[in-house]
N, C-alpha and C. Protein backbone atom coordinates (compact mmCIF):
# COMPACT_ATOMS: atom_id res chain seq x y z
N UNK A 1 7.83 12.69 0.41
CA UNK A 1 7.58 12.99 -0.99
C UNK A 1 8.43 14.19 -1.37
N UNK A 2 9.13 14.06 -2.46
CA UNK A 2 9.99 15.17 -2.81
C UNK A 2 9.25 16.23 -3.61
N UNK A 3 9.95 17.32 -3.86
CA UNK A 3 9.31 18.52 -4.39
C UNK A 3 8.65 18.33 -5.75
N UNK A 4 9.20 17.48 -6.63
CA UNK A 4 8.61 17.36 -7.96
C UNK A 4 7.40 16.44 -7.99
N UNK A 5 7.09 15.76 -6.93
CA UNK A 5 6.02 14.78 -6.94
C UNK A 5 4.62 15.31 -6.64
N UNK A 6 4.42 16.40 -5.92
CA UNK A 6 3.05 16.76 -5.55
C UNK A 6 2.07 16.87 -6.70
N UNK A 7 2.50 17.35 -7.86
CA UNK A 7 1.58 17.45 -9.00
C UNK A 7 1.11 16.09 -9.46
N UNK A 8 2.04 15.15 -9.58
CA UNK A 8 1.69 13.80 -10.01
C UNK A 8 0.84 13.11 -8.95
N UNK A 9 1.17 13.30 -7.70
CA UNK A 9 0.40 12.70 -6.62
C UNK A 9 -0.99 13.31 -6.57
N UNK A 10 -1.09 14.62 -6.74
CA UNK A 10 -2.39 15.28 -6.76
C UNK A 10 -3.27 14.73 -7.88
N UNK A 11 -2.67 14.49 -9.03
CA UNK A 11 -3.43 13.91 -10.15
C UNK A 11 -3.93 12.51 -9.80
N UNK A 12 -3.08 11.70 -9.17
CA UNK A 12 -3.51 10.36 -8.73
C UNK A 12 -4.64 10.46 -7.71
N UNK A 13 -4.53 11.39 -6.78
CA UNK A 13 -5.57 11.56 -5.77
C UNK A 13 -6.90 11.95 -6.42
N UNK A 14 -6.85 12.81 -7.42
CA UNK A 14 -8.08 13.18 -8.15
C UNK A 14 -8.71 11.96 -8.81
N UNK A 15 -7.89 11.12 -9.41
CA UNK A 15 -8.39 9.91 -10.07
C UNK A 15 -8.93 8.92 -9.06
N UNK A 16 -8.27 8.79 -7.92
CA UNK A 16 -8.77 7.90 -6.86
C UNK A 16 -10.11 8.42 -6.36
N UNK A 17 -10.21 9.73 -6.13
CA UNK A 17 -11.44 10.33 -5.64
C UNK A 17 -12.60 10.12 -6.63
N UNK A 18 -12.28 10.13 -7.91
CA UNK A 18 -13.30 9.95 -8.94
C UNK A 18 -13.67 8.48 -9.16
N UNK A 19 -12.98 7.57 -8.45
CA UNK A 19 -13.28 6.15 -8.58
C UNK A 19 -12.70 5.50 -9.82
N UNK A 20 -11.72 6.13 -10.43
CA UNK A 20 -11.14 5.62 -11.68
C UNK A 20 -10.14 4.49 -11.49
N UNK A 21 -9.57 4.36 -10.30
CA UNK A 21 -8.43 3.46 -10.14
C UNK A 21 -8.67 2.25 -9.25
N UNK A 22 -9.79 2.17 -8.59
CA UNK A 22 -10.05 1.01 -7.73
C UNK A 22 -10.29 1.40 -6.29
N UNK A 23 -10.00 0.48 -5.40
CA UNK A 23 -10.28 0.60 -3.97
C UNK A 23 -9.45 1.71 -3.33
N UNK A 24 -10.07 2.82 -2.90
CA UNK A 24 -9.29 3.94 -2.35
C UNK A 24 -8.38 3.57 -1.17
N UNK A 25 -8.84 2.86 -0.14
CA UNK A 25 -7.92 2.58 0.96
C UNK A 25 -6.67 1.82 0.53
N UNK A 26 -6.83 0.81 -0.31
CA UNK A 26 -5.67 0.03 -0.76
C UNK A 26 -4.70 0.90 -1.56
N UNK A 27 -5.23 1.69 -2.46
CA UNK A 27 -4.39 2.56 -3.28
C UNK A 27 -3.67 3.61 -2.44
N UNK A 28 -4.38 4.17 -1.49
CA UNK A 28 -3.80 5.22 -0.65
C UNK A 28 -2.73 4.66 0.29
N UNK A 29 -2.95 3.46 0.81
CA UNK A 29 -1.93 2.83 1.68
C UNK A 29 -0.66 2.58 0.88
N UNK A 30 -0.84 2.07 -0.34
CA UNK A 30 0.34 1.82 -1.19
C UNK A 30 1.05 3.13 -1.53
N UNK A 31 0.29 4.16 -1.86
CA UNK A 31 0.86 5.46 -2.19
C UNK A 31 1.57 6.07 -0.98
N UNK A 32 0.96 5.99 0.18
CA UNK A 32 1.59 6.51 1.41
C UNK A 32 2.86 5.73 1.75
N UNK A 33 2.91 4.48 1.34
CA UNK A 33 4.07 3.64 1.62
C UNK A 33 5.34 4.07 0.94
N UNK A 34 5.26 5.03 0.03
CA UNK A 34 6.48 5.54 -0.58
C UNK A 34 7.39 6.19 0.46
N UNK A 35 6.81 6.52 1.62
CA UNK A 35 7.60 7.10 2.71
C UNK A 35 8.38 6.03 3.49
N UNK A 36 8.01 4.77 3.31
CA UNK A 36 8.61 3.66 4.06
C UNK A 36 9.92 3.27 3.39
N UNK A 37 10.98 3.24 4.18
CA UNK A 37 12.29 2.85 3.65
C UNK A 37 12.48 1.35 3.83
N UNK A 38 12.69 0.67 2.70
CA UNK A 38 12.92 -0.77 2.70
C UNK A 38 14.16 -1.06 1.88
N UNK A 39 15.05 -1.87 2.45
CA UNK A 39 16.21 -2.31 1.68
C UNK A 39 15.72 -3.29 0.62
N UNK A 40 16.21 -3.13 -0.59
CA UNK A 40 15.75 -3.96 -1.71
C UNK A 40 15.93 -5.46 -1.42
N UNK A 41 17.07 -5.83 -0.83
CA UNK A 41 17.32 -7.25 -0.54
C UNK A 41 16.30 -7.78 0.47
N UNK A 42 16.02 -7.00 1.50
CA UNK A 42 15.05 -7.43 2.51
C UNK A 42 13.65 -7.56 1.90
N UNK A 43 13.27 -6.59 1.08
CA UNK A 43 11.97 -6.63 0.42
C UNK A 43 11.87 -7.85 -0.49
N UNK A 44 12.91 -8.11 -1.27
CA UNK A 44 12.89 -9.26 -2.17
C UNK A 44 12.77 -10.58 -1.41
N UNK A 45 13.50 -10.72 -0.32
CA UNK A 45 13.42 -11.95 0.48
C UNK A 45 12.02 -12.13 1.07
N UNK A 46 11.47 -11.06 1.61
CA UNK A 46 10.12 -11.13 2.20
C UNK A 46 9.08 -11.45 1.13
N UNK A 47 9.21 -10.84 -0.04
CA UNK A 47 8.28 -11.14 -1.13
C UNK A 47 8.39 -12.61 -1.57
N UNK A 48 9.61 -13.14 -1.64
CA UNK A 48 9.77 -14.54 -2.04
C UNK A 48 9.07 -15.47 -1.05
N UNK A 49 9.23 -15.20 0.25
CA UNK A 49 8.55 -16.03 1.25
C UNK A 49 7.03 -15.93 1.09
N UNK A 50 6.54 -14.74 0.82
CA UNK A 50 5.10 -14.55 0.62
C UNK A 50 4.61 -15.27 -0.63
N UNK A 51 5.40 -15.22 -1.68
CA UNK A 51 5.02 -15.90 -2.91
C UNK A 51 4.95 -17.41 -2.71
N UNK A 52 5.86 -17.95 -1.89
CA UNK A 52 5.80 -19.39 -1.58
C UNK A 52 4.52 -19.72 -0.83
N UNK A 53 4.15 -18.88 0.13
CA UNK A 53 2.89 -19.09 0.84
C UNK A 53 1.70 -19.00 -0.12
N UNK A 54 1.76 -18.04 -1.00
CA UNK A 54 0.69 -17.86 -1.96
C UNK A 54 0.56 -19.10 -2.86
N UNK A 55 1.68 -19.59 -3.35
CA UNK A 55 1.66 -20.77 -4.22
C UNK A 55 1.19 -22.01 -3.48
N UNK A 56 1.56 -22.13 -2.21
CA UNK A 56 1.15 -23.31 -1.45
C UNK A 56 -0.34 -23.28 -1.12
N UNK A 57 -0.97 -22.12 -1.27
CA UNK A 57 -2.38 -21.99 -0.96
C UNK A 57 -3.29 -22.19 -2.16
N UNK A 58 -2.74 -22.65 -3.27
CA UNK A 58 -3.57 -22.86 -4.46
C UNK A 58 -3.12 -21.97 -5.59
N UNK A 59 -4.04 -21.42 -6.30
CA UNK A 59 -3.77 -20.61 -7.47
C UNK A 59 -3.04 -19.32 -7.07
N UNK A 60 -1.77 -19.17 -7.47
CA UNK A 60 -1.04 -17.96 -7.10
C UNK A 60 -1.52 -16.70 -7.82
N UNK A 61 -2.41 -16.87 -8.81
CA UNK A 61 -2.91 -15.71 -9.54
C UNK A 61 -4.32 -15.33 -9.12
N UNK A 62 -4.79 -15.93 -8.01
CA UNK A 62 -6.12 -15.56 -7.52
C UNK A 62 -6.08 -14.14 -6.97
N UNK A 63 -7.25 -13.56 -6.80
CA UNK A 63 -7.32 -12.21 -6.24
C UNK A 63 -6.92 -12.26 -4.77
N UNK A 64 -6.03 -11.36 -4.39
CA UNK A 64 -5.55 -11.30 -3.01
C UNK A 64 -6.43 -10.39 -2.18
N UNK A 65 -6.47 -10.67 -0.90
CA UNK A 65 -7.17 -9.81 0.04
C UNK A 65 -6.27 -9.45 1.20
N UNK A 66 -6.69 -8.48 1.95
CA UNK A 66 -5.88 -7.97 3.06
C UNK A 66 -5.68 -9.03 4.15
N UNK A 67 -6.57 -10.01 4.23
CA UNK A 67 -6.44 -11.05 5.24
C UNK A 67 -5.85 -12.35 4.69
N UNK A 68 -5.37 -12.31 3.45
CA UNK A 68 -4.70 -13.47 2.87
C UNK A 68 -3.45 -13.79 3.67
N UNK A 69 -3.17 -15.07 3.84
CA UNK A 69 -2.02 -15.52 4.62
C UNK A 69 -0.71 -14.94 4.10
N UNK A 70 -0.54 -14.88 2.78
CA UNK A 70 0.69 -14.36 2.20
C UNK A 70 0.85 -12.86 2.47
N UNK A 71 -0.25 -12.13 2.46
CA UNK A 71 -0.22 -10.69 2.74
C UNK A 71 0.14 -10.46 4.19
N UNK A 72 -0.49 -11.20 5.09
CA UNK A 72 -0.19 -11.05 6.52
C UNK A 72 1.27 -11.40 6.81
N UNK A 73 1.79 -12.42 6.14
CA UNK A 73 3.19 -12.81 6.36
C UNK A 73 4.13 -11.72 5.87
N UNK A 74 3.84 -11.13 4.72
CA UNK A 74 4.68 -10.06 4.20
C UNK A 74 4.63 -8.85 5.14
N UNK A 75 3.45 -8.52 5.61
CA UNK A 75 3.31 -7.40 6.54
C UNK A 75 4.12 -7.65 7.82
N UNK A 76 4.06 -8.86 8.34
CA UNK A 76 4.80 -9.19 9.56
C UNK A 76 6.30 -9.17 9.31
N UNK A 77 6.73 -9.71 8.18
CA UNK A 77 8.17 -9.75 7.86
C UNK A 77 8.77 -8.35 7.78
N UNK A 78 8.03 -7.41 7.23
CA UNK A 78 8.58 -6.07 6.99
C UNK A 78 8.30 -5.07 8.12
N UNK A 79 7.47 -5.46 9.06
CA UNK A 79 7.02 -4.52 10.09
C UNK A 79 8.14 -4.13 11.06
N UNK A 80 8.24 -2.85 11.29
CA UNK A 80 8.97 -2.28 12.42
C UNK A 80 8.15 -1.07 12.86
N UNK A 81 8.27 -0.66 14.11
CA UNK A 81 7.53 0.54 14.53
C UNK A 81 7.91 1.77 13.70
N UNK A 82 9.17 1.88 13.32
CA UNK A 82 9.61 3.03 12.53
C UNK A 82 8.98 3.03 11.14
N UNK A 83 8.90 1.87 10.55
CA UNK A 83 8.29 1.79 9.21
C UNK A 83 6.79 2.09 9.28
N UNK A 84 6.15 1.58 10.31
CA UNK A 84 4.72 1.86 10.46
C UNK A 84 4.49 3.35 10.69
N UNK A 85 5.38 3.97 11.46
CA UNK A 85 5.27 5.42 11.67
C UNK A 85 5.49 6.18 10.35
N UNK A 86 6.41 5.69 9.52
CA UNK A 86 6.64 6.32 8.22
C UNK A 86 5.39 6.20 7.34
N UNK A 87 4.70 5.07 7.42
CA UNK A 87 3.45 4.92 6.67
C UNK A 87 2.42 5.93 7.16
N UNK A 88 2.33 6.09 8.48
CA UNK A 88 1.42 7.10 9.05
C UNK A 88 1.77 8.49 8.57
N UNK A 89 3.06 8.80 8.49
CA UNK A 89 3.49 10.11 7.99
C UNK A 89 3.12 10.26 6.51
N UNK A 90 3.22 9.18 5.75
CA UNK A 90 2.81 9.22 4.35
C UNK A 90 1.32 9.48 4.21
N UNK A 91 0.52 8.89 5.10
CA UNK A 91 -0.92 9.15 5.09
C UNK A 91 -1.18 10.62 5.40
N UNK A 92 -0.43 11.19 6.36
CA UNK A 92 -0.58 12.61 6.69
C UNK A 92 -0.22 13.50 5.50
N UNK A 93 0.86 13.13 4.78
CA UNK A 93 1.25 13.89 3.58
C UNK A 93 0.10 13.92 2.57
N UNK A 94 -0.50 12.75 2.36
CA UNK A 94 -1.60 12.67 1.40
C UNK A 94 -2.81 13.49 1.86
N UNK A 95 -3.06 13.46 3.17
CA UNK A 95 -4.21 14.20 3.71
C UNK A 95 -4.05 15.71 3.45
N UNK A 96 -2.83 16.22 3.53
CA UNK A 96 -2.60 17.64 3.25
C UNK A 96 -2.90 17.98 1.79
N UNK A 97 -2.70 17.02 0.89
CA UNK A 97 -2.96 17.25 -0.53
C UNK A 97 -4.43 17.02 -0.90
N UNK A 98 -5.19 16.37 -0.01
CA UNK A 98 -6.53 15.90 -0.37
C UNK A 98 -7.64 16.59 0.41
N UNK A 99 -7.39 17.79 0.89
CA UNK A 99 -8.40 18.46 1.72
C UNK A 99 -9.76 18.58 1.06
N UNK A 100 -9.79 18.78 -0.24
CA UNK A 100 -11.07 19.00 -0.94
C UNK A 100 -11.60 17.75 -1.65
N UNK A 101 -10.98 16.61 -1.41
CA UNK A 101 -11.38 15.36 -2.07
C UNK A 101 -12.08 14.47 -1.06
N UNK A 102 -13.39 14.47 -1.09
CA UNK A 102 -14.20 13.80 -0.06
C UNK A 102 -13.89 12.32 0.07
N UNK A 103 -13.88 11.58 -1.01
CA UNK A 103 -13.65 10.13 -0.96
C UNK A 103 -12.26 9.83 -0.42
N UNK A 104 -11.28 10.53 -0.93
CA UNK A 104 -9.89 10.31 -0.50
C UNK A 104 -9.74 10.69 0.97
N UNK A 105 -10.28 11.83 1.36
CA UNK A 105 -10.17 12.27 2.75
C UNK A 105 -10.78 11.26 3.71
N UNK A 106 -11.97 10.74 3.37
CA UNK A 106 -12.62 9.76 4.24
C UNK A 106 -11.82 8.46 4.30
N UNK A 107 -11.27 8.03 3.17
CA UNK A 107 -10.46 6.81 3.16
C UNK A 107 -9.19 7.01 3.99
N UNK A 108 -8.59 8.18 3.93
CA UNK A 108 -7.39 8.46 4.72
C UNK A 108 -7.71 8.47 6.22
N UNK A 109 -8.86 9.02 6.58
CA UNK A 109 -9.27 8.99 7.99
C UNK A 109 -9.49 7.57 8.46
N UNK A 110 -10.10 6.75 7.61
CA UNK A 110 -10.32 5.34 7.92
C UNK A 110 -8.98 4.63 8.15
N UNK A 111 -8.00 4.87 7.28
CA UNK A 111 -6.69 4.24 7.41
C UNK A 111 -5.95 4.73 8.65
N UNK A 112 -6.03 6.02 8.91
CA UNK A 112 -5.34 6.59 10.08
C UNK A 112 -5.91 6.02 11.37
N UNK A 113 -7.20 5.68 11.37
CA UNK A 113 -7.83 5.12 12.56
C UNK A 113 -7.45 3.66 12.79
N UNK A 114 -6.93 2.98 11.77
CA UNK A 114 -6.53 1.58 11.90
C UNK A 114 -5.21 1.37 11.16
N UNK A 115 -4.12 1.81 11.79
CA UNK A 115 -2.82 1.77 11.14
C UNK A 115 -2.36 0.33 10.87
N UNK A 116 -2.83 -0.62 11.67
CA UNK A 116 -2.51 -2.04 11.41
C UNK A 116 -3.11 -2.48 10.07
N UNK A 117 -4.35 -2.10 9.83
CA UNK A 117 -4.99 -2.40 8.55
C UNK A 117 -4.26 -1.68 7.42
N UNK A 118 -3.90 -0.42 7.65
CA UNK A 118 -3.17 0.34 6.64
C UNK A 118 -1.86 -0.37 6.30
N UNK A 119 -1.19 -0.92 7.32
CA UNK A 119 0.08 -1.62 7.08
C UNK A 119 -0.14 -2.88 6.24
N UNK A 120 -1.21 -3.63 6.53
CA UNK A 120 -1.51 -4.83 5.73
C UNK A 120 -1.90 -4.44 4.30
N UNK A 121 -2.63 -3.36 4.14
CA UNK A 121 -2.97 -2.89 2.80
C UNK A 121 -1.71 -2.48 2.03
N UNK A 122 -0.77 -1.88 2.71
CA UNK A 122 0.52 -1.54 2.09
C UNK A 122 1.23 -2.82 1.65
N UNK A 123 1.25 -3.84 2.50
CA UNK A 123 1.86 -5.12 2.15
C UNK A 123 1.14 -5.75 0.96
N UNK A 124 -0.17 -5.65 0.94
CA UNK A 124 -0.96 -6.16 -0.19
C UNK A 124 -0.50 -5.48 -1.48
N UNK A 125 -0.30 -4.18 -1.43
CA UNK A 125 0.18 -3.45 -2.60
C UNK A 125 1.56 -3.89 -3.05
N UNK A 126 2.45 -4.15 -2.08
CA UNK A 126 3.79 -4.62 -2.42
C UNK A 126 3.74 -5.99 -3.08
N UNK A 127 2.87 -6.86 -2.58
CA UNK A 127 2.76 -8.19 -3.17
C UNK A 127 2.10 -8.11 -4.55
N UNK A 128 1.08 -7.29 -4.67
CA UNK A 128 0.41 -7.12 -5.97
C UNK A 128 1.39 -6.55 -7.00
N UNK A 129 2.22 -5.65 -6.56
CA UNK A 129 3.26 -5.07 -7.44
C UNK A 129 4.18 -6.18 -7.96
N UNK A 130 4.52 -7.10 -7.09
CA UNK A 130 5.40 -8.22 -7.48
C UNK A 130 4.71 -9.15 -8.47
N UNK A 131 3.41 -9.32 -8.30
CA UNK A 131 2.66 -10.24 -9.16
C UNK A 131 2.19 -9.62 -10.47
N UNK A 132 2.31 -8.29 -10.58
CA UNK A 132 1.82 -7.60 -11.76
C UNK A 132 2.54 -8.08 -13.01
N UNK A 133 1.81 -8.19 -14.08
CA UNK A 133 2.37 -8.58 -15.36
C UNK A 133 3.26 -7.44 -15.85
N UNK A 134 4.55 -7.71 -16.08
CA UNK A 134 5.46 -6.64 -16.51
C UNK A 134 5.11 -6.07 -17.88
N UNK A 135 4.28 -6.78 -18.64
CA UNK A 135 3.91 -6.31 -19.97
C UNK A 135 2.70 -5.38 -19.95
N UNK A 136 2.08 -5.22 -18.76
CA UNK A 136 0.88 -4.35 -18.67
C UNK A 136 1.29 -2.92 -18.48
C-alpha cells in the first residue's frame, strides 16, 4: 500500500467494522489482495475461464460463494506461493491499521489462520469485480 492510501483504507476499515459494507472476511481478503501482483492478460484469461464455468453451471448472475466451482478454478489458476504470500502481507498491512477495530481485527485473524480460504475469498472478489454492473 502506498503512502497516500492509508487514510482511504482506514476509512474503509471503519465502514467494514461498522457492518456497512457486507461480509468482513470477503471484503478484507479483496482489500489485502491489492498487494498481489497480477499481469492484466493473465487475470483476464483466468476470469474468462471462470466465467465459462459460471455460465455452464446455470444462472451466471446467481450469488457466488467461496466454494463455487468458478471461484475455486480462478483461485487455482492464479495461485502461486509468492502471490499467496503477498496476500498474507496485505492482511498484515491491514492488521496494523485495524488495531482498535474489533470486528476487522477478528476477521483478519480468521483469514490469517486459513490463508487458503483467504486466497479463495480474494478470487471471489476478483470474479465479483468482473461481474459487477459497470453502471453501479
